[in-house]
N, C-alpha and C. Protein backbone atom coordinates (compact mmCIF):
# COMPACT_ATOMS: atom_id res chain seq x y z
N MET A 1 -219.50 72.53 92.86
CA MET A 1 -219.62 73.65 93.77
C MET A 1 -218.66 73.49 94.93
N LEU A 2 -218.28 74.62 95.46
CA LEU A 2 -217.43 74.61 96.65
C LEU A 2 -218.26 74.15 97.84
N PRO A 3 -217.64 73.55 98.87
CA PRO A 3 -218.41 73.04 100.01
C PRO A 3 -219.38 74.05 100.63
N PRO A 4 -219.00 75.31 100.89
CA PRO A 4 -219.99 76.24 101.46
C PRO A 4 -221.16 76.51 100.52
N GLU A 5 -220.90 76.48 99.22
CA GLU A 5 -221.98 76.70 98.24
C GLU A 5 -222.92 75.51 98.22
N ARG A 6 -222.37 74.31 98.38
CA ARG A 6 -223.20 73.11 98.40
C ARG A 6 -224.19 73.15 99.55
N LYS A 7 -223.75 73.67 100.69
CA LYS A 7 -224.65 73.78 101.85
C LYS A 7 -225.83 74.68 101.52
N ARG A 8 -225.56 75.76 100.80
CA ARG A 8 -226.62 76.72 100.51
C ARG A 8 -227.49 76.29 99.34
N TRP A 9 -226.89 75.85 98.25
CA TRP A 9 -227.63 75.58 97.03
C TRP A 9 -227.88 74.09 96.80
N HIS A 10 -227.31 73.24 97.62
CA HIS A 10 -227.40 71.79 97.46
C HIS A 10 -226.78 71.39 96.13
N ARG A 11 -227.55 71.48 95.08
CA ARG A 11 -227.02 71.14 93.77
C ARG A 11 -227.80 71.91 92.71
N LEU A 12 -227.09 72.66 91.91
CA LEU A 12 -227.71 73.36 90.79
C LEU A 12 -227.41 72.56 89.53
N VAL A 13 -228.44 72.14 88.86
CA VAL A 13 -228.26 71.41 87.62
C VAL A 13 -228.89 72.24 86.51
N ILE A 14 -228.09 72.53 85.51
CA ILE A 14 -228.59 73.34 84.40
C ILE A 14 -228.58 72.47 83.16
N GLU A 15 -229.77 72.09 82.72
CA GLU A 15 -229.88 71.26 81.52
C GLU A 15 -229.88 72.11 80.26
N SER A 16 -230.58 73.24 80.30
CA SER A 16 -230.61 74.10 79.12
C SER A 16 -230.41 75.56 79.52
N GLN A 17 -231.24 76.08 80.41
CA GLN A 17 -231.08 77.46 80.86
C GLN A 17 -231.26 77.52 82.37
N CYS A 18 -230.42 78.29 83.01
CA CYS A 18 -230.46 78.42 84.46
C CYS A 18 -231.75 79.11 84.89
N GLN A 19 -232.36 78.59 85.93
CA GLN A 19 -233.60 79.17 86.45
C GLN A 19 -233.39 80.56 87.05
N PHE A 20 -232.15 80.91 87.35
CA PHE A 20 -231.86 82.21 87.95
C PHE A 20 -231.41 83.26 86.93
N LEU A 21 -231.36 82.87 85.66
CA LEU A 21 -230.92 83.80 84.63
C LEU A 21 -232.11 84.55 84.07
N ALA A 22 -232.11 85.86 84.27
CA ALA A 22 -233.17 86.74 83.76
C ALA A 22 -232.62 87.57 82.61
N HIS A 23 -233.48 88.34 81.97
CA HIS A 23 -233.06 89.18 80.85
C HIS A 23 -231.95 90.14 81.25
N ALA A 24 -232.02 90.67 82.45
CA ALA A 24 -231.02 91.64 82.93
C ALA A 24 -229.79 90.97 83.54
N GLY A 25 -229.74 89.65 83.54
CA GLY A 25 -228.60 88.94 84.11
C GLY A 25 -229.03 88.02 85.24
N CYS A 26 -228.06 87.60 86.02
CA CYS A 26 -228.30 86.65 87.10
C CYS A 26 -229.08 87.30 88.25
N LYS A 27 -230.15 86.64 88.66
CA LYS A 27 -230.96 87.13 89.77
C LYS A 27 -230.24 86.98 91.12
N LEU A 28 -229.20 86.14 91.17
CA LEU A 28 -228.50 85.91 92.43
C LEU A 28 -227.47 86.99 92.74
N GLY A 29 -227.13 87.80 91.77
CA GLY A 29 -226.16 88.87 91.99
C GLY A 29 -224.85 88.35 92.53
N GLN A 30 -224.38 88.95 93.61
CA GLN A 30 -223.10 88.56 94.21
C GLN A 30 -223.18 87.23 94.96
N GLU A 31 -224.36 86.68 95.11
CA GLU A 31 -224.55 85.44 95.87
C GLU A 31 -224.40 84.18 95.03
N LYS A 32 -224.11 84.33 93.75
CA LYS A 32 -224.05 83.16 92.87
C LYS A 32 -222.83 82.29 93.17
N PRO A 33 -222.93 80.99 92.88
CA PRO A 33 -221.79 80.09 93.08
C PRO A 33 -220.60 80.53 92.22
N PHE A 34 -219.40 80.16 92.66
CA PHE A 34 -218.20 80.59 91.94
C PHE A 34 -218.18 80.11 90.50
N ALA A 35 -218.63 78.89 90.24
CA ALA A 35 -218.63 78.38 88.86
C ALA A 35 -219.47 79.28 87.96
N CYS A 36 -220.52 79.87 88.51
CA CYS A 36 -221.35 80.80 87.74
C CYS A 36 -220.65 82.15 87.58
N GLU A 37 -219.99 82.60 88.62
CA GLU A 37 -219.23 83.85 88.55
C GLU A 37 -218.13 83.74 87.49
N GLN A 38 -217.54 82.59 87.39
CA GLN A 38 -216.44 82.35 86.46
C GLN A 38 -216.91 82.35 85.01
N TYR A 39 -218.15 81.94 84.76
CA TYR A 39 -218.67 81.83 83.39
C TYR A 39 -218.57 83.16 82.66
N PRO A 40 -218.21 83.16 81.40
CA PRO A 40 -218.04 82.07 80.44
C PRO A 40 -216.63 81.49 80.39
N LEU A 41 -215.85 81.76 81.41
CA LEU A 41 -214.49 81.22 81.47
C LEU A 41 -214.47 79.82 82.07
N SER A 42 -213.47 79.08 81.70
CA SER A 42 -213.19 77.79 82.29
C SER A 42 -211.68 77.72 82.47
N PHE A 43 -211.24 77.09 83.55
CA PHE A 43 -209.82 77.06 83.86
C PHE A 43 -209.34 75.62 84.01
N ASP A 44 -208.29 75.29 83.27
CA ASP A 44 -207.67 73.98 83.37
C ASP A 44 -206.47 74.10 84.32
N PRO A 45 -206.59 73.56 85.54
CA PRO A 45 -205.51 73.71 86.51
C PRO A 45 -204.28 72.86 86.18
N VAL A 46 -204.45 71.83 85.39
CA VAL A 46 -203.31 70.98 85.01
C VAL A 46 -202.43 71.72 84.00
N GLU A 47 -203.05 72.32 83.00
CA GLU A 47 -202.32 73.05 81.96
C GLU A 47 -202.13 74.53 82.33
N ASP A 48 -202.79 74.97 83.40
CA ASP A 48 -202.75 76.38 83.82
C ASP A 48 -203.17 77.28 82.65
N ARG A 49 -204.33 76.94 82.07
CA ARG A 49 -204.80 77.59 80.86
C ARG A 49 -206.28 77.94 80.98
N TYR A 50 -206.64 79.08 80.40
CA TYR A 50 -208.03 79.54 80.40
C TYR A 50 -208.72 79.22 79.09
N TYR A 51 -210.00 78.92 79.20
CA TYR A 51 -210.85 78.65 78.04
C TYR A 51 -212.12 79.48 78.16
N PHE A 52 -212.88 79.50 77.07
CA PHE A 52 -214.10 80.31 76.97
C PHE A 52 -215.17 79.45 76.32
N ASP A 53 -216.40 79.54 76.81
CA ASP A 53 -217.51 78.77 76.24
C ASP A 53 -217.78 79.23 74.81
N ALA A 54 -217.65 78.33 73.85
CA ALA A 54 -217.84 78.66 72.44
C ALA A 54 -219.26 79.12 72.12
N ASP A 55 -220.23 78.74 72.94
CA ASP A 55 -221.62 79.16 72.69
C ASP A 55 -221.89 80.59 73.13
N CYS A 56 -220.99 81.16 73.90
CA CYS A 56 -221.18 82.55 74.35
C CYS A 56 -220.81 83.49 73.21
N PRO A 57 -221.72 84.37 72.81
CA PRO A 57 -221.44 85.26 71.68
C PRO A 57 -220.43 86.37 71.98
N LEU A 58 -219.96 86.45 73.20
CA LEU A 58 -219.05 87.53 73.59
C LEU A 58 -217.57 87.20 73.44
N TYR A 59 -217.24 86.04 72.89
CA TYR A 59 -215.84 85.61 72.84
C TYR A 59 -214.90 86.66 72.23
N GLU A 60 -215.18 87.10 71.03
CA GLU A 60 -214.28 88.04 70.36
C GLU A 60 -214.19 89.36 71.12
N GLN A 61 -215.33 89.86 71.59
CA GLN A 61 -215.33 91.12 72.34
C GLN A 61 -214.58 90.96 73.66
N TYR A 62 -214.81 89.86 74.35
CA TYR A 62 -214.13 89.60 75.63
C TYR A 62 -212.63 89.50 75.40
N GLN A 63 -212.24 88.74 74.36
CA GLN A 63 -210.83 88.57 74.06
C GLN A 63 -210.18 89.93 73.79
N HIS A 64 -210.84 90.77 73.02
CA HIS A 64 -210.34 92.12 72.73
C HIS A 64 -210.26 92.96 74.00
N ASP A 65 -211.34 92.96 74.77
CA ASP A 65 -211.44 93.83 75.95
C ASP A 65 -210.50 93.44 77.08
N LEU A 66 -209.98 92.22 77.06
CA LEU A 66 -209.00 91.83 78.08
C LEU A 66 -207.78 92.74 78.06
N ARG A 67 -207.51 93.34 76.91
CA ARG A 67 -206.35 94.22 76.75
C ARG A 67 -206.67 95.68 77.07
N VAL A 68 -207.92 95.96 77.37
CA VAL A 68 -208.35 97.34 77.64
C VAL A 68 -208.38 97.55 79.15
N ASP A 69 -207.49 98.40 79.63
CA ASP A 69 -207.42 98.67 81.07
C ASP A 69 -208.76 99.16 81.60
N GLY A 70 -209.23 98.51 82.67
CA GLY A 70 -210.46 98.91 83.33
C GLY A 70 -211.73 98.41 82.67
N SER A 71 -211.62 97.65 81.59
CA SER A 71 -212.82 97.14 80.91
C SER A 71 -213.54 96.13 81.81
N GLU A 72 -214.80 95.93 81.51
CA GLU A 72 -215.59 94.95 82.27
C GLU A 72 -214.97 93.55 82.14
N ALA A 73 -214.52 93.21 80.94
CA ALA A 73 -213.89 91.90 80.73
C ALA A 73 -212.63 91.77 81.56
N GLN A 74 -211.81 92.80 81.58
CA GLN A 74 -210.57 92.75 82.36
C GLN A 74 -210.87 92.65 83.86
N ARG A 75 -211.85 93.41 84.33
CA ARG A 75 -212.21 93.35 85.76
C ARG A 75 -212.74 91.96 86.11
N HIS A 76 -213.58 91.40 85.23
CA HIS A 76 -214.11 90.05 85.46
C HIS A 76 -212.98 89.04 85.50
N PHE A 77 -212.09 89.10 84.51
CA PHE A 77 -210.99 88.15 84.46
C PHE A 77 -210.11 88.24 85.70
N LEU A 78 -209.75 89.45 86.10
CA LEU A 78 -208.87 89.62 87.26
C LEU A 78 -209.53 89.13 88.54
N ARG A 79 -210.84 89.35 88.67
CA ARG A 79 -211.58 88.88 89.85
C ARG A 79 -211.59 87.35 89.88
N VAL A 80 -211.88 86.74 88.73
CA VAL A 80 -211.91 85.28 88.64
C VAL A 80 -210.51 84.70 88.85
N ASP A 81 -209.52 85.30 88.21
CA ASP A 81 -208.14 84.82 88.34
C ASP A 81 -207.67 84.87 89.79
N LYS A 82 -207.99 85.93 90.49
CA LYS A 82 -207.59 86.05 91.90
C LYS A 82 -208.19 84.90 92.71
N ARG A 83 -209.45 84.63 92.49
CA ARG A 83 -210.13 83.55 93.22
C ARG A 83 -209.54 82.19 92.84
N LEU A 84 -209.24 82.02 91.56
CA LEU A 84 -208.66 80.75 91.12
C LEU A 84 -207.28 80.52 91.72
N GLN A 85 -206.50 81.57 91.84
CA GLN A 85 -205.17 81.42 92.44
C GLN A 85 -205.29 80.97 93.90
N GLN A 86 -206.30 81.48 94.60
CA GLN A 86 -206.55 81.05 95.98
C GLN A 86 -206.98 79.58 96.01
N LEU A 87 -207.87 79.22 95.09
CA LEU A 87 -208.37 77.85 95.05
C LEU A 87 -207.29 76.85 94.65
N LYS A 88 -206.32 77.27 93.85
CA LYS A 88 -205.22 76.37 93.48
C LYS A 88 -204.48 75.91 94.73
N LYS A 89 -204.41 76.76 95.73
CA LYS A 89 -203.72 76.42 96.98
C LYS A 89 -204.64 75.68 97.95
N LYS A 90 -205.89 76.13 98.05
CA LYS A 90 -206.81 75.61 99.06
C LYS A 90 -207.63 74.40 98.61
N ASN A 91 -207.99 74.37 97.34
CA ASN A 91 -208.91 73.32 96.89
C ASN A 91 -208.64 72.92 95.44
N PRO A 92 -207.45 72.38 95.16
CA PRO A 92 -207.12 72.01 93.78
C PRO A 92 -208.04 70.92 93.21
N ASP A 93 -208.57 70.06 94.06
CA ASP A 93 -209.47 69.01 93.57
C ASP A 93 -210.75 69.61 93.00
N PHE A 94 -211.25 70.68 93.64
CA PHE A 94 -212.43 71.37 93.11
C PHE A 94 -212.15 71.88 91.70
N LEU A 95 -210.99 72.52 91.52
CA LEU A 95 -210.66 73.07 90.20
C LEU A 95 -210.57 71.99 89.14
N LYS A 96 -209.96 70.88 89.49
CA LYS A 96 -209.83 69.78 88.54
C LYS A 96 -211.21 69.23 88.17
N HIS A 97 -212.04 69.01 89.16
CA HIS A 97 -213.39 68.49 88.92
C HIS A 97 -214.22 69.50 88.13
N ASN A 98 -214.11 70.77 88.48
CA ASN A 98 -214.88 71.80 87.80
C ASN A 98 -214.50 71.87 86.31
N PHE A 99 -213.21 71.78 86.02
CA PHE A 99 -212.79 71.81 84.62
C PHE A 99 -213.27 70.56 83.87
N GLU A 100 -213.23 69.41 84.52
CA GLU A 100 -213.72 68.19 83.88
C GLU A 100 -215.19 68.33 83.50
N LEU A 101 -215.98 68.92 84.40
CA LEU A 101 -217.40 69.15 84.11
C LEU A 101 -217.56 70.13 82.95
N ASP A 102 -216.81 71.23 82.99
CA ASP A 102 -216.88 72.23 81.92
C ASP A 102 -216.50 71.62 80.58
N ALA A 103 -215.41 70.87 80.55
CA ALA A 103 -214.92 70.29 79.30
C ALA A 103 -215.93 69.28 78.73
N ASP A 104 -216.66 68.62 79.62
CA ASP A 104 -217.67 67.66 79.19
C ASP A 104 -218.94 68.36 78.69
N TYR A 105 -219.29 69.49 79.30
CA TYR A 105 -220.55 70.17 79.01
C TYR A 105 -220.43 71.19 77.88
N PHE A 106 -219.35 71.98 77.89
CA PHE A 106 -219.18 73.07 76.93
C PHE A 106 -218.21 72.69 75.82
N GLU A 107 -218.36 73.36 74.70
CA GLU A 107 -217.30 73.37 73.69
C GLU A 107 -216.43 74.55 74.08
N LEU A 108 -215.16 74.31 74.34
CA LEU A 108 -214.29 75.35 74.87
C LEU A 108 -213.29 75.85 73.83
N LEU A 109 -213.14 77.18 73.81
CA LEU A 109 -212.15 77.84 72.97
C LEU A 109 -211.04 78.34 73.87
N GLU A 110 -209.81 78.21 73.42
CA GLU A 110 -208.70 78.71 74.23
C GLU A 110 -208.76 80.24 74.29
N LEU A 111 -208.52 80.77 75.47
CA LEU A 111 -208.52 82.21 75.68
C LEU A 111 -207.07 82.69 75.74
N GLU A 112 -206.75 83.67 74.93
CA GLU A 112 -205.41 84.25 74.95
C GLU A 112 -205.38 85.31 76.04
N VAL A 113 -204.62 85.04 77.08
CA VAL A 113 -204.56 85.94 78.24
C VAL A 113 -203.33 86.82 78.12
N PRO A 114 -203.54 88.14 78.06
CA PRO A 114 -202.37 89.04 78.01
C PRO A 114 -201.62 89.03 79.33
N HIS A 115 -200.32 89.09 79.25
CA HIS A 115 -199.50 89.10 80.45
C HIS A 115 -199.01 90.51 80.70
N ALA A 116 -198.93 90.86 81.97
CA ALA A 116 -198.49 92.21 82.34
C ALA A 116 -197.00 92.37 82.11
C-alpha cells in the first residue's frame, strides 16, 4: 500500500476473498487502495509491462475491450496507467514491491496493450 493508504487501512491481507468485496462490487467505492483499483491488472515497472490475473474470468473480454474507445476496460486501463506513470516518478519502490507481491500471489498473463 501507498503510505497514505497505510495510515488509513493499516494492512489489508486477503487470504481468499476480500472482506470488502460484495456481490455488486467493492464496498469501498472510490476509497479503495490503489492496488485494489488496479486489479485485475499488475504492472512490472522493470519491464514496463502489464499483466492480468489469470484467475479473473474477464481476461479475454478485457483484452478485447481495450481496443474499444470509451469501453469500461479502456477507461479503467487509462485511469490505472495515468496513476502508474505518476508513481513511476514519485514512488518507484512501491511499484517494484507491489509487482513482486502480485507475481508471488497471482498467476499472471501478459496483457497486450494497444498503442495510440
